[in-house]
Amino acid sequence: MSQAAVAQAKAELQAEGADLSGPCGAFTITRRAAEVIGPPAGLLWKPPPGNQCESYAVDIVCYPDGHIWDCLIDGGGANTPAWQDKGFVEASRYRPVTLVPEPPDPPQPPTTDAVLARLDTIIALLQAILEELRTGG
C-alpha cells in the first residue's frame, strides 16, 4: 500500500519536471509520499551529519509514535520506491508534513547578460589600472 504511495509521489514529481537528484531530490519524493499517504504520516527530523536535507531524513516516513519506514532505496540516487520497516526512533523527532518547509530551489546560474556586465566591469577596472601604470600615476 505505502510503497505504491511512494511510487505515485515519484511519478507525479517526474511528470512535473521536478529535480529529484541528490539528497534534497529524495526528500522531495519522501515529503510528497507522506502527503499522499496522509496524516499522521510525517517526516523524520535529522540534524547533520548524515544523509539529510534541511535537517530532515531524505528517505524516511515517520509516524507520531516514532515508527519509521524507509521509503526509498538509494535515496538521492536511483530513488527506487520501497516500504521497509526500520523500527522506532524517539517520537520527538516526528514532524508533520504541514510544519516542514519546502526544500530550497537549487541556485540558478547567472544569465548571459549578468556575466557580460560583470566582464565589462572587470575590463574597465583592468584598463584603468593599465592607464595608471602607463602614466605612472
Foldseek 3Di string as FASTA:
>chain_A
DLLVLLVVLVVVCVVVVHDLAALLSLQSSQLSSQVSVNPPWFWFQAQDDDSHAPRTHSAWIAGLQFWIWRQADPRNPPRRGDTHTPGGDHSVRTDHSVPDDRGDDPDDDDDPVVVVVVVVVVVVVVVVVVVCVVVVD
